[in-house]
């Protein structure tokens, strides 16, 4: 029952996110509607509830764990956003429509963002290892892998149903 409810909520929020995303695809980064943040928050709330269940955390450990987990999620979202913006800038620079920054400078920034992310991930994973048993940590890694895999499949299915140039909502 919980699995189906989680799947339904995740699908609903994902559909909303993708529907909202298609309407601002041609706008510059940073002009997205606040719906995106609301969807992200809703997905994170679902993930938090599910991961706490999967890890079978004691009530007193839950708050500490979620503090680290929320920082981990924020680091990952921020990394993806920063790296995507740099990749877009790199693409534009290579096609002659860039901001004027040289390609090597953009590449250096990508390397810096990647290195910073690796350092943050290592610190947060060390915190998880100190909070969780080996079994719980393994369950966390598998949960994250499976959740992201399912989310990716939902996105791909949504895109497949939408077809080229449209959203599934338009069909």
C-alpha atoms as a PDB file:
ATOM      1  CA  UNK A   1       0.000   0.000   0.000  1.00  0.00           C
ATOM      2  CA  UNK A   2       2.746   2.475   1.006  1.00  0.00           C
ATOM      3  CA  UNK A   3       4.718   1.526  -2.103  1.00  0.00           C
ATOM      4  CA  UNK A   4       1.763   2.331  -4.399  1.00  0.00           C
ATOM      5  CA  UNK A   5       1.007   5.591  -2.582  1.00  0.00           C
ATOM      6  CA  UNK A   6       4.644   6.644  -2.850  1.00  0.00           C
ATOM      7  CA  UNK A   7       4.712   5.737  -6.535  1.00  0.00           C
ATOM      8  CA  UNK A   8       1.511   7.689  -7.197  1.00  0.00           C
ATOM      9  CA  UNK A   9       2.734  10.777  -5.333  1.00  0.00           C
ATOM     10  CA  UNK A  10       6.139  10.644  -6.983  1.00  0.00           C
ATOM     11  CA  UNK A  11       4.576  10.273 -10.424  1.00  0.00           C
ATOM     12  CA  UNK A  12       2.143  13.121  -9.779  1.00  0.00           C
ATOM     13  CA  UNK A  13       4.852  15.489  -8.619  1.00  0.00           C
ATOM     14  CA  UNK A  14       7.160  14.453 -11.425  1.00  0.00           C
ATOM     15  CA  UNK A  15       4.455  15.050 -13.997  1.00  0.00           C
ATOM     16  CA  UNK A  16       3.860  18.496 -12.550  1.00  0.00           C
ATOM     17  CA  UNK A  17       7.570  19.230 -12.642  1.00  0.00           C
ATOM     18  CA  UNK A  18       7.924  18.116 -16.228  1.00  0.00           C
ATOM     19  CA  UNK A  19       4.813  19.967 -17.284  1.00  0.00           C
ATOM     20  CA  UNK A  20       6.084  23.131 -15.630  1.00  0.00           C
ATOM     21  CA  UNK A  21       9.541  22.572 -17.083  1.00  0.00           C
ATOM     22  CA  UNK A  22       8.352  22.495 -20.670  1.00  0.00           C
ATOM     23  CA  UNK A  23       6.756  25.936 -20.441  1.00  0.00           C
ATOM     24  CA  UNK A  24      10.016  27.709 -19.611  1.00  0.00           C
ATOM     25  CA  UNK A  25      12.438  25.659 -21.680  1.00  0.00           C
ATOM     26  CA  UNK A  26      13.314  28.637 -23.873  1.00  0.00           C
ATOM     27  CA  UNK A  27      13.892  31.051 -20.981  1.00  0.00           C
ATOM     28  CA  UNK A  28      17.335  31.770 -19.573  1.00  0.00           C
ATOM     29  CA  UNK A  29      18.355  29.828 -16.445  1.00  0.00           C
ATOM     30  CA  UNK A  30      17.012  31.316 -13.240  1.00  0.00           C
ATOM     31  CA  UNK A  31      13.616  32.323 -14.645  1.00  0.00           C
ATOM     32  CA  UNK A  32      11.840  29.077 -13.817  1.00  0.00           C
ATOM     33  CA  UNK A  33       8.542  29.330 -11.989  1.00  0.00           C
ATOM     34  CA  UNK A  34       8.443  28.531  -8.288  1.00  0.00           C
ATOM     35  CA  UNK A  35       6.476  25.348  -9.096  1.00  0.00           C
ATOM     36  CA  UNK A  36       9.818  23.666  -9.678  1.00  0.00           C
ATOM     37  CA  UNK A  37      10.932  24.352  -6.110  1.00  0.00           C
ATOM     38  CA  UNK A  38       7.593  23.153  -4.755  1.00  0.00           C
ATOM     39  CA  UNK A  39       7.855  19.914  -6.723  1.00  0.00           C
ATOM     40  CA  UNK A  40      11.433  19.422  -5.562  1.00  0.00           C
ATOM     41  CA  UNK A  41      10.344  19.947  -1.939  1.00  0.00           C
ATOM     42  CA  UNK A  42       7.460  17.499  -2.351  1.00  0.00           C
ATOM     43  CA  UNK A  43       9.720  14.838  -3.861  1.00  0.00           C
ATOM     44  CA  UNK A  44      12.229  15.340  -1.043  1.00  0.00           C
ATOM     45  CA  UNK A  45       9.461  14.978   1.539  1.00  0.00           C
ATOM     46  CA  UNK A  46       8.388  11.676  -0.018  1.00  0.00           C
ATOM     47  CA  UNK A  47      11.984  10.493  -0.116  1.00  0.00           C
ATOM     48  CA  UNK A  48      12.545  11.412   3.526  1.00  0.00           C
ATOM     49  CA  UNK A  49       9.536   9.436   4.707  1.00  0.00           C
ATOM     50  CA  UNK A  50      10.453   6.441   2.602  1.00  0.00           C
ATOM     51  CA  UNK A  51      14.157   6.404   3.519  1.00  0.00           C
ATOM     52  CA  UNK A  52      13.354   6.638   7.234  1.00  0.00           C
ATOM     53  CA  UNK A  53      11.094   3.589   6.816  1.00  0.00           C
ATOM     54  CA  UNK A  54      13.681   1.682   4.787  1.00  0.00           C
ATOM     55  CA  UNK A  55      16.434   2.354   7.332  1.00  0.00           C
ATOM     56  CA  UNK A  56      14.177   1.506  10.274  1.00  0.00           C
ATOM     57  CA  UNK A  57      15.567   4.460  12.222  1.00  0.00           C
ATOM     58  CA  UNK A  58      14.871   4.914  15.880  1.00  0.00           C
ATOM     59  CA  UNK A  59      12.942   8.084  16.659  1.00  0.00           C
ATOM     60  CA  UNK A  60      15.910   9.765  18.368  1.00  0.00           C
ATOM     61  CA  UNK A  61      18.224   9.008  15.419  1.00  0.00           C
ATOM     62  CA  UNK A  62      15.738  10.211  12.797  1.00  0.00           C
ATOM     63  CA  UNK A  63      16.211  13.942  13.389  1.00  0.00           C
ATOM     64  CA  UNK A  64      20.009  13.748  13.289  1.00  0.00           C
ATOM     65  CA  UNK A  65      19.935  11.544  10.194  1.00  0.00           C
ATOM     66  CA  UNK A  66      17.494  13.828   8.364  1.00  0.00           C
ATOM     67  CA  UNK A  67      19.696  16.846   9.082  1.00  0.00           C
ATOM     68  CA  UNK A  68      22.596  15.165   7.290  1.00  0.00           C
ATOM     69  CA  UNK A  69      20.303  13.743   4.605  1.00  0.00           C
ATOM     70  CA  UNK A  70      18.833  17.163   3.832  1.00  0.00           C
ATOM     71  CA  UNK A  71      22.325  18.669   3.528  1.00  0.00           C
ATOM     72  CA  UNK A  72      23.256  15.795   1.199  1.00  0.00           C
ATOM     73  CA  UNK A  73      20.201  16.405  -0.975  1.00  0.00           C
ATOM     74  CA  UNK A  74      20.923  20.140  -1.113  1.00  0.00           C
ATOM     75  CA  UNK A  75      24.559  19.528  -2.103  1.00  0.00           C
ATOM     76  CA  UNK A  76      23.448  17.181  -4.870  1.00  0.00           C
ATOM     77  CA  UNK A  77      20.751  19.537  -6.234  1.00  0.00           C
ATOM     78  CA  UNK A  78      23.123  22.513  -6.140  1.00  0.00           C
ATOM     79  CA  UNK A  79      25.858  20.514  -7.888  1.00  0.00           C
ATOM     80  CA  UNK A  80      23.530  19.407 -10.684  1.00  0.00           C
ATOM     81  CA  UNK A  81      22.256  22.955 -11.199  1.00  0.00           C
ATOM     82  CA  UNK A  82      25.748  24.508 -11.205  1.00  0.00           C
ATOM     83  CA  UNK A  83      27.173  21.869 -13.495  1.00  0.00           C
ATOM     84  CA  UNK A  84      24.233  22.111 -15.918  1.00  0.00           C
ATOM     85  CA  UNK A  85      24.678  25.886 -16.129  1.00  0.00           C
ATOM     86  CA  UNK A  86      28.393  25.462 -16.832  1.00  0.00           C
ATOM     87  CA  UNK A  87      27.711  22.828 -19.483  1.00  0.00           C
ATOM     88  CA  UNK A  88      25.239  25.169 -21.171  1.00  0.00           C
ATOM     89  CA  UNK A  89      27.820  27.953 -21.037  1.00  0.00           C
ATOM     90  CA  UNK A  90      30.412  25.593 -22.521  1.00  0.00           C
ATOM     91  CA  UNK A  91      28.038  24.597 -25.306  1.00  0.00           C
ATOM     92  CA  UNK A  92      27.332  28.233 -26.127  1.00  0.00           C
ATOM     93  CA  UNK A  93      31.052  29.076 -26.065  1.00  0.00           C
ATOM     94  CA  UNK A  94      31.818  26.258 -28.493  1.00  0.00           C
ATOM     95  CA  UNK A  95      29.077  27.387 -30.879  1.00  0.00           C
ATOM     96  CA  UNK A  96      30.224  31.018 -30.836  1.00  0.00           C
ATOM     97  CA  UNK A  97      27.240  32.317 -28.861  1.00  0.00           C
ATOM     98  CA  UNK A  98      28.952  32.426 -25.478  1.00  0.00           C
ATOM     99  CA  UNK A  99      29.254  35.066 -22.812  1.00  0.00           C
ATOM    100  CA  UNK A 100      32.787  35.912 -23.837  1.00  0.00           C
ATOM    101  CA  UNK A 101      34.463  33.609 -21.346  1.00  0.00           C
ATOM    102  CA  UNK A 102      37.148  31.411 -22.847  1.00  0.00           C
ATOM    103  CA  UNK A 103      36.586  27.664 -23.073  1.00  0.00           C
ATOM    104  CA  UNK A 104      39.593  26.834 -20.833  1.00  0.00           C
ATOM    105  CA  UNK A 105      38.175  29.101 -18.113  1.00  0.00           C
ATOM    106  CA  UNK A 106      34.809  27.326 -18.270  1.00  0.00           C
ATOM    107  CA  UNK A 107      36.552  23.926 -18.184  1.00  0.00           C
ATOM    108  CA  UNK A 108      38.473  25.029 -15.082  1.00  0.00           C
ATOM    109  CA  UNK A 109      35.182  26.000 -13.441  1.00  0.00           C
ATOM    110  CA  UNK A 110      33.699  22.585 -14.299  1.00  0.00           C
ATOM    111  CA  UNK A 111      36.723  20.875 -12.756  1.00  0.00           C
ATOM    112  CA  UNK A 112      36.409  23.075  -9.639  1.00  0.00           C
ATOM    113  CA  UNK A 113      32.691  22.310  -9.254  1.00  0.00           C
ATOM    114  CA  UNK A 114      33.345  18.578  -9.692  1.00  0.00           C
ATOM    115  CA  UNK A 115      36.163  18.628  -7.110  1.00  0.00           C
ATOM    116  CA  UNK A 116      34.067  20.620  -4.638  1.00  0.00           C
ATOM    117  CA  UNK A 117      31.206  18.163  -5.052  1.00  0.00           C
ATOM    118  CA  UNK A 118      33.476  15.155  -4.494  1.00  0.00           C
ATOM    119  CA  UNK A 119      34.758  16.726  -1.269  1.00  0.00           C
ATOM    120  CA  UNK A 120      31.246  17.509  -0.029  1.00  0.00           C
ATOM    121  CA  UNK A 121      30.032  14.006  -0.890  1.00  0.00           C
ATOM    122  CA  UNK A 122      32.963  12.426   0.961  1.00  0.00           C
ATOM    123  CA  UNK A 123      32.318  14.513   4.107  1.00  0.00           C
ATOM    124  CA  UNK A 124      28.594  13.753   4.095  1.00  0.00           C
ATOM    125  CA  UNK A 125      29.124  10.051   3.450  1.00  0.00           C
ATOM    126  CA  UNK A 126      31.533   9.957   6.394  1.00  0.00           C
ATOM    127  CA  UNK A 127      28.787  11.509   8.538  1.00  0.00           C
ATOM    128  CA  UNK A 128      26.343   8.842   7.363  1.00  0.00           C
ATOM    129  CA  UNK A 129      28.863   6.120   8.202  1.00  0.00           C
ATOM    130  CA  UNK A 130      29.177   7.503  11.734  1.00  0.00           C
ATOM    131  CA  UNK A 131      25.372   7.700  12.193  1.00  0.00           C
ATOM    132  CA  UNK A 132      24.294   4.444  10.571  1.00  0.00           C
ATOM    133  CA  UNK A 133      25.230   0.809  10.876  1.00  0.00           C
ATOM    134  CA  UNK A 134      26.900  -0.748   7.838  1.00  0.00           C
ATOM    135  CA  UNK A 135      23.597  -2.426   6.961  1.00  0.00           C
ATOM    136  CA  UNK A 136      21.678   0.855   7.208  1.00  0.00           C
ATOM    137  CA  UNK A 137      24.298   2.658   5.137  1.00  0.00           C
ATOM    138  CA  UNK A 138      24.088  -0.068   2.487  1.00  0.00           C
ATOM    139  CA  UNK A 139      20.291   0.253   2.509  1.00  0.00           C
ATOM    140  CA  UNK A 140      20.626   4.032   2.088  1.00  0.00           C
ATOM    141  CA  UNK A 141      22.880   3.673  -0.949  1.00  0.00           C
ATOM    142  CA  UNK A 142      20.564   1.087  -2.516  1.00  0.00           C
ATOM    143  CA  UNK A 143      17.499   3.196  -1.762  1.00  0.00           C
ATOM    144  CA  UNK A 144      19.054   6.236  -3.446  1.00  0.00           C
ATOM    145  CA  UNK A 145      20.135   4.194  -6.449  1.00  0.00           C
ATOM    146  CA  UNK A 146      16.720   2.573  -6.905  1.00  0.00           C
ATOM    147  CA  UNK A 147      14.755   5.776  -6.278  1.00  0.00           C
ATOM    148  CA  UNK A 148      16.811   7.707  -8.828  1.00  0.00           C
ATOM    149  CA  UNK A 149      16.552   4.855 -11.322  1.00  0.00           C
ATOM    150  CA  UNK A 150      12.743   4.819 -10.998  1.00  0.00           C
ATOM    151  CA  UNK A 151      12.598   8.588 -11.290  1.00  0.00           C
ATOM    152  CA  UNK A 152      14.756   8.499 -14.423  1.00  0.00           C
ATOM    153  CA  UNK A 153      12.489   5.832 -15.941  1.00  0.00           C
ATOM    154  CA  UNK A 154       9.408   7.926 -15.182  1.00  0.00           C
ATOM    155  CA  UNK A 155      10.998  10.912 -16.902  1.00  0.00           C
ATOM    156  CA  UNK A 156      11.929   8.819 -19.931  1.00  0.00           C
ATOM    157  CA  UNK A 157       8.425   7.366 -20.133  1.00  0.00           C
ATOM    158  CA  UNK A 158       6.929  10.842 -19.875  1.00  0.00           C
ATOM    159  CA  UNK A 159       9.202  12.089 -22.639  1.00  0.00           C
ATOM    160  CA  UNK A 160       8.428   9.072 -24.814  1.00  0.00           C
ATOM    161  CA  UNK A 161       4.687   9.628 -24.444  1.00  0.00           C
ATOM    162  CA  UNK A 162       5.073  13.327 -25.189  1.00  0.00           C
ATOM    163  CA  UNK A 163       6.898  12.683 -28.441  1.00  0.00           C
ATOM    164  CA  UNK A 164       9.128  15.188 -30.167  1.00  0.00           C
ATOM    165  CA  UNK A 165       8.366  18.844 -29.501  1.00  0.00           C
ATOM    166  CA  UNK A 166       5.470  18.382 -27.106  1.00  0.00           C
ATOM    167  CA  UNK A 167       4.513  17.538 -23.600  1.00  0.00           C
ATOM    168  CA  UNK A 168       2.334  14.651 -22.540  1.00  0.00           C
ATOM    169  CA  UNK A 169      -0.089  17.207 -21.167  1.00  0.00           C
ATOM    170  CA  UNK A 170      -0.692  18.473 -24.713  1.00  0.00           C
ATOM    171  CA  UNK A 171      -1.642  15.001 -25.999  1.00  0.00           C
END
